[in-house]
Amino acid sequence: MPYATVPELTAWLAPEPVPPNAVRLLTLASQRVDRALLGAWYDADDAEVQAVLRQATVQQVHWMLERGDETEAESDLQSMSTGIRSFSKRALRDGEQPQRLASSVADLLRTCGLFRFDPLVVG
C-alpha cells in the first residue's frame, strides 16, 4: 500500500498535472522507499514517521517522472538511440549499483532522525 495518496501527490507536483498512472507510481515509489529502509526499525504508527514516508514517496515519484523511467529499466543507461536501436550502459565501478532512489529522498531518510539502523547481533 502506498505511503502517499493521489491528492498528496497532486499537491506536491502542482502546478504540473498528475499522470494517469499516479497510483502505480506511488506504489512503486513506496516500494523503493521500503527497499531503502530495509533493516531499519521504526514505529509505523508514529505520525512523524508517516509524514516522512509520505514526503519521501512523493519526492520519489517526482524524480521518477523527471527521469521518465518508472521501471528502472534505464537506471544504468548512459545513452540511447532510436531507429536501429543503440544502448550504452554507464560504466559502474566495482560494487556500484545504478541510482534507484532520488538523492533528496535518501537525504530526507538519513537526516530526519526517525529511522534506526542498529546492528543485529545473534548469539
N, C-alpha and C. Protein backbone atom coordinates (compact mmCIF):
# COMPACT_ATOMS: atom_id res chain seq x y z
N MET A 1 0.85 -1.18 0.00
CA MET A 1 0.00 0.00 0.00
C MET A 1 0.89 1.24 0.00
N PRO A 2 0.61 2.19 -0.88
CA PRO A 2 1.44 3.39 -0.97
C PRO A 2 1.40 4.23 0.30
N TYR A 3 2.51 4.90 0.57
CA TYR A 3 2.59 5.78 1.74
C TYR A 3 1.91 7.12 1.50
N ALA A 4 1.68 7.48 0.24
CA ALA A 4 1.05 8.76 -0.09
C ALA A 4 -0.14 8.51 -1.00
N THR A 5 -1.01 9.49 -1.05
CA THR A 5 -2.23 9.39 -1.86
C THR A 5 -2.09 10.26 -3.11
N VAL A 6 -3.00 10.05 -4.05
CA VAL A 6 -3.00 10.86 -5.26
C VAL A 6 -3.21 12.34 -4.94
N PRO A 7 -4.13 12.72 -4.02
CA PRO A 7 -4.24 14.15 -3.67
C PRO A 7 -2.94 14.73 -3.09
N GLU A 8 -2.20 13.94 -2.32
CA GLU A 8 -0.93 14.42 -1.77
C GLU A 8 0.10 14.59 -2.88
N LEU A 9 0.09 13.68 -3.85
CA LEU A 9 0.99 13.82 -4.99
C LEU A 9 0.59 15.03 -5.83
N THR A 10 -0.70 15.25 -5.97
CA THR A 10 -1.20 16.40 -6.72
C THR A 10 -0.69 17.70 -6.10
N ALA A 11 -0.74 17.77 -4.78
CA ALA A 11 -0.27 18.97 -4.08
C ALA A 11 1.23 19.16 -4.27
N TRP A 12 1.99 18.07 -4.26
CA TRP A 12 3.45 18.17 -4.41
C TRP A 12 3.83 18.59 -5.83
N LEU A 13 3.16 18.04 -6.83
CA LEU A 13 3.53 18.31 -8.22
C LEU A 13 2.98 19.63 -8.76
N ALA A 14 2.01 20.23 -8.08
CA ALA A 14 1.38 21.46 -8.57
C ALA A 14 2.43 22.50 -8.93
N PRO A 15 2.27 23.18 -10.04
CA PRO A 15 1.13 23.22 -10.94
C PRO A 15 1.17 22.15 -12.05
N GLU A 16 2.15 21.27 -12.03
CA GLU A 16 2.22 20.21 -13.03
C GLU A 16 1.09 19.21 -12.79
N PRO A 17 0.53 18.64 -13.84
CA PRO A 17 -0.58 17.69 -13.65
C PRO A 17 -0.08 16.34 -13.15
N VAL A 18 -0.95 15.64 -12.48
CA VAL A 18 -0.65 14.29 -12.02
C VAL A 18 -0.89 13.34 -13.19
N PRO A 19 0.03 12.41 -13.43
CA PRO A 19 -0.16 11.48 -14.55
C PRO A 19 -1.28 10.49 -14.26
N PRO A 20 -1.84 9.90 -15.31
CA PRO A 20 -2.94 8.95 -15.12
C PRO A 20 -2.51 7.69 -14.36
N ASN A 21 -1.24 7.37 -14.36
CA ASN A 21 -0.74 6.18 -13.68
C ASN A 21 -0.21 6.51 -12.27
N ALA A 22 -0.78 7.52 -11.64
CA ALA A 22 -0.29 8.00 -10.34
C ALA A 22 -0.31 6.93 -9.27
N VAL A 23 -1.34 6.12 -9.22
CA VAL A 23 -1.43 5.08 -8.18
C VAL A 23 -0.29 4.09 -8.35
N ARG A 24 -0.02 3.68 -9.58
CA ARG A 24 1.09 2.75 -9.83
C ARG A 24 2.42 3.39 -9.44
N LEU A 25 2.62 4.66 -9.78
CA LEU A 25 3.86 5.35 -9.43
C LEU A 25 4.02 5.47 -7.92
N LEU A 26 2.95 5.77 -7.22
CA LEU A 26 3.01 5.86 -5.76
C LEU A 26 3.34 4.49 -5.14
N THR A 27 2.81 3.44 -5.70
CA THR A 27 3.10 2.09 -5.21
C THR A 27 4.57 1.75 -5.44
N LEU A 28 5.07 2.00 -6.64
CA LEU A 28 6.48 1.72 -6.94
C LEU A 28 7.41 2.57 -6.08
N ALA A 29 7.07 3.84 -5.90
CA ALA A 29 7.89 4.72 -5.09
C ALA A 29 7.92 4.25 -3.64
N SER A 30 6.78 3.81 -3.13
CA SER A 30 6.72 3.29 -1.76
C SER A 30 7.60 2.05 -1.61
N GLN A 31 7.61 1.20 -2.63
CA GLN A 31 8.48 0.01 -2.61
C GLN A 31 9.95 0.41 -2.58
N ARG A 32 10.31 1.46 -3.31
CA ARG A 32 11.70 1.91 -3.32
C ARG A 32 12.10 2.52 -1.98
N VAL A 33 11.17 3.21 -1.35
CA VAL A 33 11.42 3.74 0.00
C VAL A 33 11.59 2.57 0.97
N ASP A 34 10.73 1.57 0.86
CA ASP A 34 10.86 0.38 1.71
C ASP A 34 12.22 -0.29 1.52
N ARG A 35 12.67 -0.39 0.27
CA ARG A 35 13.97 -1.00 -0.02
C ARG A 35 15.08 -0.20 0.64
N ALA A 36 14.98 1.11 0.62
CA ALA A 36 16.00 1.96 1.25
C ALA A 36 16.01 1.80 2.76
N LEU A 37 14.86 1.47 3.33
CA LEU A 37 14.75 1.34 4.79
C LEU A 37 14.90 -0.11 5.27
N LEU A 38 15.26 -1.00 4.38
CA LEU A 38 15.43 -2.40 4.76
C LEU A 38 16.45 -2.50 5.89
N GLY A 39 16.06 -3.09 6.98
CA GLY A 39 16.93 -3.21 8.14
C GLY A 39 16.72 -2.13 9.17
N ALA A 40 15.95 -1.11 8.83
CA ALA A 40 15.67 -0.03 9.79
C ALA A 40 14.50 -0.46 10.67
N TRP A 41 14.47 0.09 11.87
CA TRP A 41 13.29 -0.15 12.70
C TRP A 41 12.72 1.18 13.14
N TYR A 42 11.40 1.23 13.11
CA TYR A 42 10.68 2.46 13.42
C TYR A 42 9.23 2.10 13.74
N ASP A 43 8.53 3.04 14.33
CA ASP A 43 7.13 2.86 14.68
C ASP A 43 6.28 3.33 13.50
N ALA A 44 5.74 2.40 12.76
CA ALA A 44 4.96 2.74 11.57
C ALA A 44 3.67 3.49 11.90
N ASP A 45 3.26 3.47 13.16
CA ASP A 45 2.05 4.19 13.56
C ASP A 45 2.33 5.62 14.03
N ASP A 46 3.61 5.97 14.14
CA ASP A 46 4.01 7.31 14.58
C ASP A 46 3.68 8.33 13.49
N ALA A 47 3.01 9.41 13.85
CA ALA A 47 2.59 10.43 12.88
C ALA A 47 3.78 11.07 12.16
N GLU A 48 4.89 11.29 12.88
CA GLU A 48 6.08 11.88 12.26
C GLU A 48 6.69 10.94 11.23
N VAL A 49 6.74 9.67 11.56
CA VAL A 49 7.27 8.66 10.64
C VAL A 49 6.39 8.61 9.39
N GLN A 50 5.08 8.60 9.57
CA GLN A 50 4.17 8.57 8.44
C GLN A 50 4.34 9.79 7.54
N ALA A 51 4.56 10.95 8.14
CA ALA A 51 4.76 12.18 7.36
C ALA A 51 6.04 12.10 6.54
N VAL A 52 7.10 11.55 7.12
CA VAL A 52 8.37 11.41 6.38
C VAL A 52 8.21 10.41 5.25
N LEU A 53 7.55 9.29 5.51
CA LEU A 53 7.34 8.29 4.46
C LEU A 53 6.49 8.86 3.33
N ARG A 54 5.50 9.65 3.68
CA ARG A 54 4.65 10.31 2.68
C ARG A 54 5.48 11.27 1.83
N GLN A 55 6.30 12.10 2.50
CA GLN A 55 7.14 13.06 1.79
C GLN A 55 8.15 12.35 0.90
N ALA A 56 8.76 11.31 1.40
CA ALA A 56 9.75 10.54 0.62
C ALA A 56 9.09 9.94 -0.61
N THR A 57 7.87 9.47 -0.46
CA THR A 57 7.17 8.84 -1.58
C THR A 57 6.85 9.83 -2.69
N VAL A 58 6.34 11.00 -2.34
CA VAL A 58 6.00 11.97 -3.40
C VAL A 58 7.27 12.51 -4.06
N GLN A 59 8.34 12.68 -3.29
CA GLN A 59 9.60 13.12 -3.88
C GLN A 59 10.15 12.05 -4.83
N GLN A 60 10.02 10.79 -4.46
CA GLN A 60 10.48 9.70 -5.33
C GLN A 60 9.68 9.65 -6.62
N VAL A 61 8.37 9.83 -6.54
CA VAL A 61 7.54 9.86 -7.75
C VAL A 61 7.97 11.02 -8.64
N HIS A 62 8.19 12.17 -8.06
CA HIS A 62 8.62 13.34 -8.84
C HIS A 62 9.91 13.03 -9.59
N TRP A 63 10.86 12.42 -8.91
CA TRP A 63 12.15 12.05 -9.52
C TRP A 63 11.94 11.03 -10.63
N MET A 64 11.07 10.05 -10.40
CA MET A 64 10.79 9.04 -11.43
C MET A 64 10.18 9.69 -12.67
N LEU A 65 9.30 10.66 -12.46
CA LEU A 65 8.69 11.37 -13.59
C LEU A 65 9.72 12.18 -14.35
N GLU A 66 10.61 12.85 -13.63
CA GLU A 66 11.65 13.65 -14.27
C GLU A 66 12.59 12.78 -15.11
N ARG A 67 12.88 11.58 -14.62
CA ARG A 67 13.75 10.65 -15.34
C ARG A 67 13.03 9.95 -16.47
N GLY A 68 11.69 9.86 -16.36
CA GLY A 68 10.93 9.15 -17.37
C GLY A 68 11.18 7.64 -17.33
N ASP A 69 11.45 7.12 -16.13
CA ASP A 69 11.81 5.70 -16.01
C ASP A 69 11.18 5.12 -14.75
N GLU A 70 9.93 4.71 -14.85
CA GLU A 70 9.26 4.17 -13.66
C GLU A 70 9.66 2.74 -13.37
N THR A 71 10.20 2.03 -14.34
CA THR A 71 10.51 0.61 -14.15
C THR A 71 11.97 0.34 -13.79
N GLU A 72 12.80 1.35 -13.78
CA GLU A 72 14.25 1.24 -13.54
C GLU A 72 14.97 0.57 -14.70
N ALA A 73 14.30 0.40 -15.82
CA ALA A 73 14.93 -0.24 -16.97
C ALA A 73 16.08 0.59 -17.53
N GLU A 74 16.03 1.90 -17.32
CA GLU A 74 17.07 2.78 -17.86
C GLU A 74 17.99 3.31 -16.78
N SER A 75 17.96 2.71 -15.59
CA SER A 75 18.71 3.27 -14.47
C SER A 75 20.22 3.24 -14.67
N ASP A 76 20.71 2.37 -15.54
CA ASP A 76 22.16 2.32 -15.75
C ASP A 76 22.56 2.66 -17.18
N LEU A 77 21.64 3.30 -17.93
CA LEU A 77 21.96 3.68 -19.30
C LEU A 77 22.71 5.01 -19.34
N GLN A 78 23.72 5.04 -20.18
CA GLN A 78 24.45 6.29 -20.39
C GLN A 78 23.89 7.01 -21.61
N SER A 79 23.57 6.25 -22.65
CA SER A 79 22.99 6.85 -23.85
C SER A 79 22.09 5.83 -24.53
N MET A 80 21.18 6.36 -25.37
CA MET A 80 20.25 5.51 -26.08
C MET A 80 19.90 6.19 -27.39
N SER A 81 19.75 5.44 -28.44
CA SER A 81 19.36 5.96 -29.74
C SER A 81 18.11 5.24 -30.19
N THR A 82 17.45 5.82 -31.17
CA THR A 82 16.31 5.13 -31.75
C THR A 82 16.63 4.79 -33.19
N GLY A 83 15.70 4.21 -33.87
CA GLY A 83 15.99 3.79 -35.24
C GLY A 83 16.44 2.35 -35.21
N ILE A 84 17.71 2.12 -35.36
CA ILE A 84 18.23 0.75 -35.31
C ILE A 84 18.49 0.34 -33.87
N ARG A 85 18.26 1.14 -32.94
CA ARG A 85 18.45 0.89 -31.50
C ARG A 85 19.91 0.77 -31.14
N SER A 86 20.30 1.60 -30.27
CA SER A 86 21.66 1.57 -29.76
C SER A 86 21.62 1.99 -28.29
N PHE A 87 22.07 1.12 -27.43
CA PHE A 87 22.06 1.39 -26.00
C PHE A 87 23.49 1.30 -25.48
N SER A 88 23.86 2.22 -24.62
CA SER A 88 25.17 2.16 -23.96
C SER A 88 24.94 2.21 -22.46
N LYS A 89 25.49 1.22 -21.78
CA LYS A 89 25.38 1.20 -20.33
C LYS A 89 26.47 2.06 -19.71
N ARG A 90 26.11 2.70 -18.62
CA ARG A 90 27.08 3.50 -17.88
C ARG A 90 28.03 2.54 -17.18
N ALA A 91 29.32 2.85 -17.25
CA ALA A 91 30.31 2.02 -16.58
C ALA A 91 30.17 2.18 -15.07
N LEU A 92 30.01 1.08 -14.38
CA LEU A 92 29.88 1.09 -12.93
C LEU A 92 31.19 0.64 -12.31
N ARG A 93 31.57 1.31 -11.24
CA ARG A 93 32.75 0.87 -10.50
C ARG A 93 32.45 -0.41 -9.76
N ASP A 94 33.46 -1.10 -9.36
CA ASP A 94 33.30 -2.38 -8.68
C ASP A 94 32.35 -2.24 -7.49
N GLY A 95 31.28 -2.99 -7.51
CA GLY A 95 30.31 -2.97 -6.41
C GLY A 95 29.28 -1.85 -6.49
N GLU A 96 29.43 -0.93 -7.41
CA GLU A 96 28.50 0.19 -7.53
C GLU A 96 27.18 -0.28 -8.15
N GLN A 97 26.09 0.29 -7.68
CA GLN A 97 24.76 -0.01 -8.20
C GLN A 97 24.20 1.23 -8.89
N PRO A 98 23.35 1.06 -9.90
CA PRO A 98 22.71 2.24 -10.51
C PRO A 98 21.83 2.95 -9.48
N GLN A 99 21.67 4.25 -9.64
CA GLN A 99 20.85 5.02 -8.71
C GLN A 99 19.39 4.69 -8.92
N ARG A 100 18.74 4.25 -7.85
CA ARG A 100 17.33 3.89 -7.92
C ARG A 100 16.48 4.70 -6.95
N LEU A 101 17.14 5.51 -6.14
CA LEU A 101 16.44 6.32 -5.16
C LEU A 101 16.89 7.76 -5.35
N ALA A 102 15.95 8.68 -5.36
CA ALA A 102 16.29 10.09 -5.51
C ALA A 102 17.22 10.53 -4.38
N SER A 103 18.21 11.33 -4.70
CA SER A 103 19.13 11.82 -3.68
C SER A 103 18.40 12.58 -2.58
N SER A 104 17.38 13.33 -2.96
CA SER A 104 16.62 14.09 -1.96
C SER A 104 15.88 13.15 -1.00
N VAL A 105 15.44 12.01 -1.49
CA VAL A 105 14.77 11.04 -0.63
C VAL A 105 15.77 10.40 0.32
N ALA A 106 16.94 10.03 -0.20
CA ALA A 106 17.98 9.46 0.66
C ALA A 106 18.37 10.45 1.75
N ASP A 107 18.52 11.72 1.38
CA ASP A 107 18.86 12.75 2.38
C ASP A 107 17.76 12.88 3.43
N LEU A 108 16.52 12.91 3.00
CA LEU A 108 15.40 13.02 3.92
C LEU A 108 15.39 11.86 4.92
N LEU A 109 15.55 10.65 4.41
CA LEU A 109 15.50 9.47 5.29
C LEU A 109 16.69 9.44 6.25
N ARG A 110 17.85 9.91 5.79
CA ARG A 110 19.05 9.92 6.65
C ARG A 110 18.99 10.97 7.73
N THR A 111 18.44 12.13 7.41
CA THR A 111 18.54 13.27 8.31
C THR A 111 17.33 13.48 9.22
N CYS A 112 16.24 12.77 8.98
CA CYS A 112 15.04 13.01 9.79
C CYS A 112 15.20 12.48 11.22
N GLY A 113 16.09 11.53 11.43
CA GLY A 113 16.34 11.02 12.77
C GLY A 113 15.28 10.07 13.30
N LEU A 114 14.38 9.62 12.45
CA LEU A 114 13.30 8.76 12.89
C LEU A 114 13.55 7.27 12.64
N PHE A 115 14.55 6.97 11.86
CA PHE A 115 14.80 5.59 11.48
C PHE A 115 16.14 5.14 12.05
N ARG A 116 16.12 4.00 12.73
CA ARG A 116 17.34 3.50 13.36
C ARG A 116 17.84 2.28 12.61
N PHE A 117 19.13 2.28 12.37
CA PHE A 117 19.79 1.16 11.73
C PHE A 117 20.80 0.59 12.72
N ASP A 118 20.31 -0.17 13.67
CA ASP A 118 21.20 -0.77 14.67
C ASP A 118 21.57 -2.17 14.20
N PRO A 119 22.81 -2.57 14.46
CA PRO A 119 23.21 -3.92 14.05
C PRO A 119 22.47 -4.98 14.84
N LEU A 120 22.17 -6.05 14.17
CA LEU A 120 21.53 -7.18 14.82
C LEU A 120 22.62 -8.18 15.17
N VAL A 121 22.77 -8.44 16.46
CA VAL A 121 23.79 -9.36 16.93
C VAL A 121 23.10 -10.63 17.40
N VAL A 122 23.49 -11.74 16.82
CA VAL A 122 22.88 -13.02 17.17
C VAL A 122 23.94 -13.89 17.82
N GLY A 123 23.54 -14.52 18.91
CA GLY A 123 24.46 -15.49 19.52
C GLY A 123 25.17 -15.06 20.73
